[in-house]
Protein backbone atom coordinates (compact mmCIF):
# COMPACT_ATOMS: atom_id res chain seq x y z
CA MET A 1 -1.47 18.53 7.31
CA HIS A 2 1.51 17.85 9.53
CA PRO A 3 4.41 16.63 8.03
CA GLU A 4 5.61 13.29 9.34
CA ASN A 5 9.26 13.22 8.20
CA ARG A 6 11.94 15.61 6.95
CA ARG A 7 11.26 14.63 3.16
CA GLN A 8 7.32 15.69 3.70
CA LEU A 9 8.80 19.12 5.41
CA VAL A 10 11.09 20.07 2.73
CA VAL A 11 8.51 19.43 -0.23
CA LYS A 12 5.85 21.41 1.94
CA ILE A 13 8.45 24.45 2.81
CA LEU A 14 9.14 24.55 -1.22
CA TRP A 15 5.30 24.48 -2.26
CA THR A 16 4.34 27.17 0.61
CA GLY A 17 7.28 29.31 -0.07
CA VAL A 18 6.72 29.66 -3.96
CA TRP A 19 3.03 30.92 -3.18
CA LEU A 20 4.21 33.40 -0.76
CA PHE A 21 6.06 35.12 -4.01
CA TYR A 22 2.30 36.98 -4.18
CA LEU A 23 3.17 39.18 -0.98
CA SER A 24 5.39 41.23 -3.11
CA ALA A 25 2.64 43.66 -3.32
CA PRO A 26 2.83 44.58 0.32
CA VAL A 27 6.69 44.67 0.27
CA ILE A 28 6.67 47.00 -2.62
CA ASP A 29 4.00 49.06 -0.96
CA LEU A 30 6.43 49.36 2.05
CA VAL A 31 9.46 50.30 -0.16
CA HIS A 32 7.53 52.63 -2.66
CA GLY A 33 4.26 53.54 -0.72
CA GLY A 34 5.35 56.75 0.25
CA HIS A 35 4.81 55.80 4.04
CA SER A 36 6.58 57.58 6.99
CA ALA A 37 9.25 55.59 8.75
CA TRP A 38 7.19 54.62 11.31
CA ALA A 39 4.59 52.87 9.16
CA ARG A 40 7.18 51.23 6.96
CA LEU A 41 8.50 49.70 10.45
CA LEU A 42 5.23 48.65 11.92
CA GLY A 43 3.93 47.43 8.54
CA ALA A 44 7.11 45.40 8.07
CA LEU A 45 6.77 43.97 11.84
CA GLY A 46 3.07 43.39 10.95
CA LEU A 47 3.96 41.51 7.92
CA VAL A 48 6.73 39.42 9.45
CA ALA A 49 3.74 38.85 12.25
CA PHE A 50 1.24 37.60 9.70
CA VAL A 51 3.51 35.23 7.36
CA GLY A 52 4.82 33.61 10.70
CA TRP A 53 1.53 33.06 12.11
CA TYR A 54 0.46 31.88 8.68
CA LEU A 55 3.64 29.40 8.58
CA PHE A 56 2.82 28.09 11.95
CA LEU A 57 -0.67 27.44 11.01
CA ILE A 58 0.19 25.47 8.01
CA PHE A 59 2.96 23.84 9.42
CA ARG A 60 2.40 23.28 13.25
CA ILE A 61 -1.17 22.45 13.52
CA GLY A 62 -1.98 18.97 12.38
CA ARG A 63 -4.93 16.62 12.38
CA ARG A 64 -5.20 16.30 16.02
CA ALA A 65 -5.67 20.07 16.59
CA THR A 66 -9.06 20.95 17.87
CA ALA A 67 -11.65 22.81 15.81
CA ARG A 68 -11.75 25.72 18.45
CA ARG A 69 -7.88 26.13 18.26
CA LEU A 70 -8.06 26.05 14.54
CA LEU A 71 -10.38 28.71 14.45
CA LEU A 72 -8.92 30.54 17.18
CA SER A 73 -5.68 30.59 14.88
CA LEU A 74 -7.82 31.54 11.86
CA GLY A 75 -9.22 34.73 13.85
CA VAL A 76 -5.78 36.00 14.87
CA LEU A 77 -5.05 35.80 10.93
CA ALA A 78 -8.09 37.50 9.81
CA VAL A 79 -7.63 40.43 12.32
CA GLN A 80 -3.77 40.95 11.43
CA ALA A 81 -5.04 40.94 7.28
CA VAL A 82 -8.14 43.76 8.43
CA LEU A 83 -5.76 45.85 10.35
CA LEU A 84 -2.85 45.93 7.90
CA THR A 85 -4.91 46.52 5.11
CA LEU A 86 -6.95 49.56 6.64
CA THR A 87 -3.88 50.77 8.00
CA LEU A 88 -1.63 50.58 4.87
CA GLY A 89 -3.84 50.56 1.73
CA ARG A 90 -5.56 48.36 -0.97
CA GLU A 91 -2.07 46.34 -1.85
CA TRP A 92 -2.65 44.40 1.35
CA LEU A 93 -5.64 42.94 0.21
CA VAL A 94 -3.80 40.19 -0.86
CA LEU A 95 -3.47 38.89 2.80
CA PHE A 96 -7.35 37.74 2.44
CA VAL A 97 -6.15 35.30 -0.19
CA TYR A 98 -3.87 33.37 2.29
CA LEU A 99 -6.17 33.69 4.95
CA ALA A 100 -8.85 31.56 2.58
CA ILE A 101 -6.00 29.13 1.91
CA ALA A 102 -5.50 28.64 5.39
CA CYS A 103 -8.95 28.08 6.08
CA GLY A 104 -9.29 25.33 3.42
CA ALA A 105 -5.89 23.87 4.41
CA ALA A 106 -6.16 23.89 8.25
CA LEU A 107 -10.15 23.30 8.77
CA PRO A 108 -11.96 20.00 8.24
CA ALA A 109 -14.23 20.05 5.23
CA ALA A 110 -17.25 20.54 7.39
CA LEU A 111 -16.01 24.00 8.49
CA SER A 112 -13.85 24.90 5.37
CA ARG A 113 -16.95 25.12 3.33
CA TRP A 114 -18.08 27.94 5.40
CA ALA A 115 -14.81 29.55 6.68
CA VAL A 116 -13.50 29.82 2.97
CA PRO A 117 -16.73 32.08 1.72
CA ALA A 118 -16.28 34.00 5.18
CA ALA A 119 -12.94 34.89 4.16
CA ALA A 120 -13.78 36.04 0.91
CA GLY A 121 -16.70 38.09 2.14
CA LEU A 122 -14.38 39.76 4.76
CA LEU A 123 -11.99 40.58 1.69
CA VAL A 124 -14.97 41.99 -0.09
CA ALA A 125 -16.06 44.10 2.96
CA THR A 126 -12.46 45.22 3.53
CA GLY A 127 -11.91 46.15 0.23
CA ALA A 128 -15.10 48.12 0.31
CA VAL A 129 -13.82 50.21 2.92
CA VAL A 130 -10.07 50.91 1.94
CA PRO A 131 -9.78 53.79 -0.71
CA GLU A 132 -9.58 52.32 -4.36
CA GLY A 133 -10.10 48.91 -2.83
CA THR A 134 -12.84 47.91 -5.11
CA ALA A 135 -10.42 47.73 -8.01
CA TYR A 136 -8.56 44.99 -6.81
CA LEU A 137 -11.38 42.87 -5.60
CA VAL A 138 -12.07 41.25 -8.99
CA GLY A 139 -8.54 40.04 -9.07
CA LEU A 140 -8.30 38.76 -5.68
CA LEU A 141 -11.59 37.46 -4.90
CA VAL A 142 -11.63 34.47 -7.81
CA PRO A 143 -8.17 33.18 -6.33
CA ALA A 144 -9.09 33.22 -2.62
CA LEU A 145 -12.30 31.14 -3.52
CA LEU A 146 -10.49 28.80 -5.70
CA GLY A 147 -7.32 28.59 -3.48
CA GLY A 148 -9.25 27.86 -0.58
CA PHE A 149 -11.34 25.33 -1.94
CA ALA A 150 -8.60 23.89 -3.58
CA MET A 151 -6.79 23.40 -0.47
CA ALA A 152 -9.76 22.13 1.47
CA GLY A 153 -10.32 19.23 -1.37
CA VAL A 154 -6.50 18.57 -1.08
CA GLY A 155 -7.08 18.29 2.60
CA GLN A 156 -9.66 16.12 2.48
CA LEU A 157 -7.60 13.96 0.16
CA ILE A 158 -4.85 13.35 2.35
CA ARG A 159 -7.13 12.84 5.41
CA THR A 160 -9.00 9.86 3.46
CA THR A 161 -5.65 8.40 2.03
CA ILE A 162 -4.52 8.51 5.64
CA ALA A 163 -7.56 6.79 6.97
CA LEU A 164 -7.11 4.06 4.31
CA ARG A 165 -3.77 3.09 5.16
CA GLU A 166 -4.90 2.90 8.91
CA ALA A 167 -7.89 0.74 7.67
CA ARG A 168 -5.51 -1.16 5.66
CA ALA A 169 -3.02 -1.85 8.32
CA THR A 170 -5.86 -2.71 10.81
CA VAL A 171 -7.23 -5.10 8.34
CA ALA A 172 -3.91 -6.40 7.74
CA GLN A 173 -3.39 -7.29 11.72
CA LEU A 174 -6.93 -8.87 11.89
CA ALA A 175 -5.90 -11.03 9.03
CA ALA A 176 -2.86 -12.29 10.87
CA ASN A 177 -4.60 -12.63 13.98
CA GLU A 178 -7.32 -14.59 12.39
CA GLU A 179 -4.57 -16.78 10.47
CA ARG A 180 -2.82 -17.42 14.09
CA LEU A 181 -6.24 -18.54 15.76
CA ARG A 182 -7.24 -20.71 12.59
CA LEU A 183 -3.35 -22.51 12.74
CA ALA A 184 -4.23 -22.71 16.50
CA ARG A 185 -7.64 -24.40 16.10
CA ASP A 186 -6.64 -26.77 13.24
CA LEU A 187 -3.50 -27.95 15.58
CA HIS A 188 -5.59 -28.50 18.53
CA ASP A 189 -7.93 -30.46 16.43
CA LEU A 190 -5.41 -32.45 15.14
CA LEU A 191 -3.16 -33.19 17.96
CA GLY A 192 -5.51 -32.79 20.87
CA HIS A 193 -7.16 -36.37 20.31
CA SER A 194 -3.94 -38.10 19.55
CA LEU A 195 -1.91 -36.84 22.72
CA SER A 196 -4.60 -37.71 24.57
CA LEU A 197 -4.78 -41.01 23.37
CA ILE A 198 -1.01 -41.19 23.73
CA THR A 199 -1.03 -39.87 27.47
CA LEU A 200 -3.65 -42.84 28.15
CA LYS A 201 -1.95 -45.63 26.62
CA SER A 202 1.36 -44.53 27.98
CA GLU A 203 -0.49 -44.80 31.86
CA LEU A 204 -1.91 -48.26 30.87
CA ALA A 205 1.46 -49.45 29.46
CA GLY A 206 2.99 -48.27 32.89
CA ARG A 207 0.49 -49.98 34.68
CA MET A 208 0.59 -53.35 32.66
CA LEU A 209 4.86 -53.35 32.47
CA PRO A 210 5.40 -55.34 35.65
CA ASP A 211 2.87 -58.24 35.26
CA GLN A 212 1.68 -58.37 31.51
CA PRO A 213 4.66 -57.46 29.34
CA GLU A 214 2.84 -58.55 26.36
CA LYS A 215 -0.18 -56.34 26.73
CA ALA A 216 2.24 -53.44 27.72
CA ALA A 217 4.15 -53.95 24.41
CA GLN A 218 0.74 -53.91 22.58
CA GLN A 219 0.11 -50.44 24.03
CA VAL A 220 3.31 -49.12 23.04
CA ALA A 221 2.94 -50.43 19.49
CA ASP A 222 -0.34 -48.35 19.69
CA ILE A 223 1.56 -45.38 20.93
CA GLU A 224 3.85 -45.47 18.13
CA ARG A 225 1.04 -45.80 15.63
CA VAL A 226 -0.73 -43.15 17.00
CA SER A 227 2.28 -40.56 17.16
CA ARG A 228 3.04 -41.78 13.53
CA GLN A 229 -0.22 -40.67 12.32
CA ALA A 230 -0.12 -37.44 14.11
CA LEU A 231 2.86 -36.63 12.63
CA VAL A 232 1.65 -37.23 9.21
CA ASP A 233 -1.47 -35.11 10.47
CA VAL A 234 0.72 -32.43 11.03
CA ARG A 235 2.78 -32.33 8.12
CA GLU A 236 -0.21 -32.47 5.77
CA ALA A 237 -1.42 -29.46 7.85
CA VAL A 238 1.94 -27.56 7.33
CA SER A 239 2.06 -28.41 3.54
CA GLY A 240 -1.49 -27.12 3.10
CA TYR A 241 -0.24 -23.66 4.92
CA ARG A 242 2.62 -23.51 2.59
CA ARG A 243 0.79 -24.60 -0.48
CA PRO A 244 1.06 -21.76 -3.12
CA THR A 245 -1.34 -20.55 -5.31
CA LEU A 246 -1.28 -18.92 -8.78
CA PRO A 247 -2.45 -15.27 -7.90
CA GLY A 248 -0.05 -15.13 -4.92
CA GLU A 249 2.89 -16.23 -6.99
CA LEU A 250 1.68 -13.81 -10.14
CA ALA A 251 2.10 -10.89 -7.33
CA GLY A 252 5.33 -12.10 -6.19
CA ALA A 253 6.60 -12.76 -9.62
CA ARG A 254 5.59 -8.84 -10.63
CA THR A 255 7.34 -7.62 -7.72
CA ALA A 256 10.60 -9.70 -8.14
CA LEU A 257 10.73 -8.72 -11.84
CA THR A 258 9.91 -4.93 -11.04
CA ALA A 259 12.71 -4.79 -8.26
CA ALA A 260 15.27 -6.70 -10.90
CA GLY A 261 14.26 -3.72 -13.63
CA ILE A 262 12.52 -6.49 -15.69
CA ARG A 263 9.27 -5.37 -17.28
CA ALA A 264 6.71 -7.53 -16.33
CA ASP A 265 3.82 -8.47 -18.81
CA LEU A 266 1.61 -10.88 -16.36
CA PRO A 267 -1.99 -11.17 -16.00
CA LEU A 268 -3.51 -8.91 -13.20
CA GLU A 269 -6.53 -11.26 -12.45
CA PRO A 270 -6.15 -14.79 -13.76
CA GLU A 271 -9.49 -16.41 -14.36
CA LEU A 272 -8.42 -19.81 -13.00
CA PRO A 273 -11.11 -22.84 -13.29
CA GLU A 274 -12.84 -23.53 -10.41
CA PRO A 275 -12.57 -26.62 -8.15
CA PRO A 276 -13.05 -29.92 -8.54
CA GLU A 277 -11.71 -28.69 -12.44
CA LEU A 278 -8.46 -27.69 -11.42
CA ARG A 279 -7.19 -29.56 -8.19
CA GLU A 280 -5.36 -27.64 -5.66
CA GLU A 281 -2.23 -29.89 -6.32
CA ALA A 282 -2.35 -29.07 -9.82
CA GLU A 283 -2.58 -25.59 -9.21
CA SER A 284 0.26 -25.68 -6.60
CA ALA A 285 2.44 -27.48 -9.31
CA LEU A 286 1.91 -24.42 -11.67
CA ALA A 287 2.44 -22.00 -9.06
CA TRP A 288 6.02 -23.56 -8.13
CA ALA A 289 6.79 -23.41 -12.06
CA LEU A 290 6.03 -19.81 -12.03
CA ARG A 291 7.97 -19.04 -8.89
CA GLU A 292 11.27 -21.04 -10.46
CA ALA A 293 11.17 -19.80 -13.89
CA VAL A 294 10.66 -15.98 -12.51
CA THR A 295 13.77 -16.86 -10.21
CA ASN A 296 15.72 -18.13 -13.11
CA VAL A 297 14.74 -15.06 -15.26
CA VAL A 298 16.15 -12.56 -12.41
CA ARG A 299 19.18 -14.41 -11.53
CA HIS A 300 20.37 -15.81 -15.38
CA SER A 301 18.59 -14.19 -18.15
CA GLY A 302 19.73 -10.57 -18.41
CA ALA A 303 16.14 -10.14 -20.05
CA VAL A 304 14.51 -6.79 -20.18
CA THR A 305 10.96 -8.18 -20.54
CA CYS A 306 9.46 -10.94 -19.15
CA THR A 307 5.99 -12.36 -20.32
CA VAL A 308 3.64 -14.87 -18.34
CA THR A 309 0.59 -16.05 -20.03
CA LEU A 310 -1.77 -18.51 -18.41
CA ARG A 311 -4.65 -19.89 -20.85
CA THR A 312 -6.88 -23.23 -21.16
CA ARG A 313 -5.92 -25.31 -24.32
CA GLN A 314 -7.42 -28.21 -25.70
CA SER A 315 -5.03 -31.49 -26.71
CA LEU A 316 -5.23 -34.87 -27.45
CA ASP A 317 -5.30 -35.84 -23.56
CA GLY A 318 -8.08 -33.61 -22.96
CA THR A 319 -8.45 -29.96 -21.51
CA ARG A 320 -5.00 -28.52 -19.86
CA LEU A 321 -4.52 -25.35 -18.17
CA GLU A 322 -0.86 -24.23 -19.78
CA LEU A 323 1.49 -21.52 -18.00
CA THR A 324 3.98 -20.01 -20.27
CA VAL A 325 7.03 -17.90 -19.10
CA ALA A 326 9.02 -16.15 -21.79
CA ASP A 327 11.84 -13.42 -21.50
CA ASP A 328 14.12 -11.89 -24.39
CA GLY A 329 17.31 -12.42 -22.36
CA SER A 330 20.60 -14.47 -23.33
CA GLY A 331 18.62 -17.76 -23.44
CA SER A 332 21.75 -19.81 -22.80
CA GLU A 333 22.36 -19.67 -19.29
CA ALA A 334 18.77 -19.57 -18.45
CA GLY A 335 18.54 -22.82 -20.37
CA GLN A 336 21.09 -24.63 -19.08
CA SER A 337 19.22 -27.90 -17.38
CA ALA A 338 21.83 -29.42 -15.24
CA PRO A 339 20.60 -31.22 -12.30
CA GLY A 340 20.37 -29.01 -9.09
CA ASN A 341 19.17 -26.15 -11.29
CA GLY A 342 15.15 -26.64 -10.19
CA LEU A 343 13.90 -28.06 -13.90
CA THR A 344 14.06 -31.86 -12.58
CA GLY A 345 12.11 -30.62 -9.37
CA LEU A 346 9.31 -29.07 -11.40
CA THR A 347 9.41 -32.12 -13.80
CA GLU A 348 8.68 -34.22 -10.85
CA ARG A 349 6.11 -32.07 -9.40
CA LEU A 350 4.28 -31.87 -12.48
CA THR A 351 4.61 -35.33 -13.30
CA ALA A 352 2.96 -36.46 -10.23
CA VAL A 353 -0.28 -34.38 -11.03
CA GLY A 354 -0.35 -35.76 -14.56
CA GLY A 355 1.30 -32.39 -16.04
CA THR A 356 4.18 -31.85 -18.45
CA LEU A 357 7.07 -29.45 -18.69
CA ARG A 358 8.95 -27.95 -21.94
CA ALA A 359 11.75 -25.79 -21.24
CA GLY A 360 14.65 -24.44 -23.58
CA PRO A 361 15.96 -21.57 -25.58
CA ALA A 362 13.86 -19.50 -27.52
CA ARG A 363 14.09 -16.61 -30.15
CA PRO A 364 14.72 -14.64 -28.11
CA GLY A 365 15.67 -15.47 -24.66
CA PHE A 366 14.12 -18.36 -22.95
CA ARG A 367 10.72 -20.01 -22.73
CA LEU A 368 9.10 -22.37 -19.99
CA VAL A 369 6.00 -24.10 -20.67
CA ALA A 370 4.15 -25.84 -18.21
CA ALA A 371 0.80 -27.80 -18.27
CA VAL A 372 -1.61 -29.51 -16.06
CA PRO A 373 -4.98 -31.45 -16.85
CA LEU A 374 -8.21 -30.19 -16.20
CA GLY A 375 -11.67 -31.82 -15.55
CA SER A 376 -11.77 -35.53 -16.72
CA ALA A 377 -8.52 -35.50 -18.07
CA ALA A 378 -6.79 -35.16 -14.52
């Protein structure tokens, strides 16, 4: 695949350069093969041309190249390999291994499954013609087939990964567009009637104001009431959009802890009770508690590990969903509960939904336990 940045280019150059080591057989043949000076010169130029075309095929032709262009480039590479081998001898049969690898790396899977065996067949045919070439076939045929099909598999994996990334970006864009449409639709439903009513009553008040001030005042009072209700509706809608959820906060906690170099022991997919057993307000309160606890761990604890557990517990007050956040840090700094550190606000949030909060130093570190009622206990 065509490199997309400098790092990928460097990695690909190093990886490709390692495998060019097997061209040592043709180089040794040029130096010690007993060829004439003209044969050595032409052979060196042919080898440079083969390697240059091979690298061009590997690096420059990406996934946007047409199948015809790819096949033409591979045909040029095959002609170079045949001419060099027939001219200089059996040591040059190794070029067909690079031909098979290029077929697997450059072509789509539908074509590479046929091109790689074709390159191997060309290797066998050329080896049968070259003097003493059959002795080299066993050692070259298997690497040609394995290398070609391996590169075909790697290429298909890369293409699939790219397609998945593009599909993920498309899904994210569609989700964002859908969320914007939903927000616009909800705001229209919330404010359309209220604003229309305010406009109508404003017009009525304007008409009544000179002759009927009492009725105009009543219309103004109605306008105030409707506008206040519209403001309440908008606030409730916005708070609903901003309401945190436990799965979302768990994902955010994992990211924050990992970024801070703290090992995160968190449930991957928490099994939460279904509504109405777990109310949205109660889940939101637990989510806020998780966010505040993880923030304190990242900022103050100096911990190595943070463990988050979420479980259902039976108590005298009924069934409760309990969230525990524990770390192995210093404990004392994270455990300071002075006003303004967020614990007071968490206590108020949990109390509003019938929940409780316990926080303090532990051995080791610091532990925060937040619980909300479920089912009939709510």
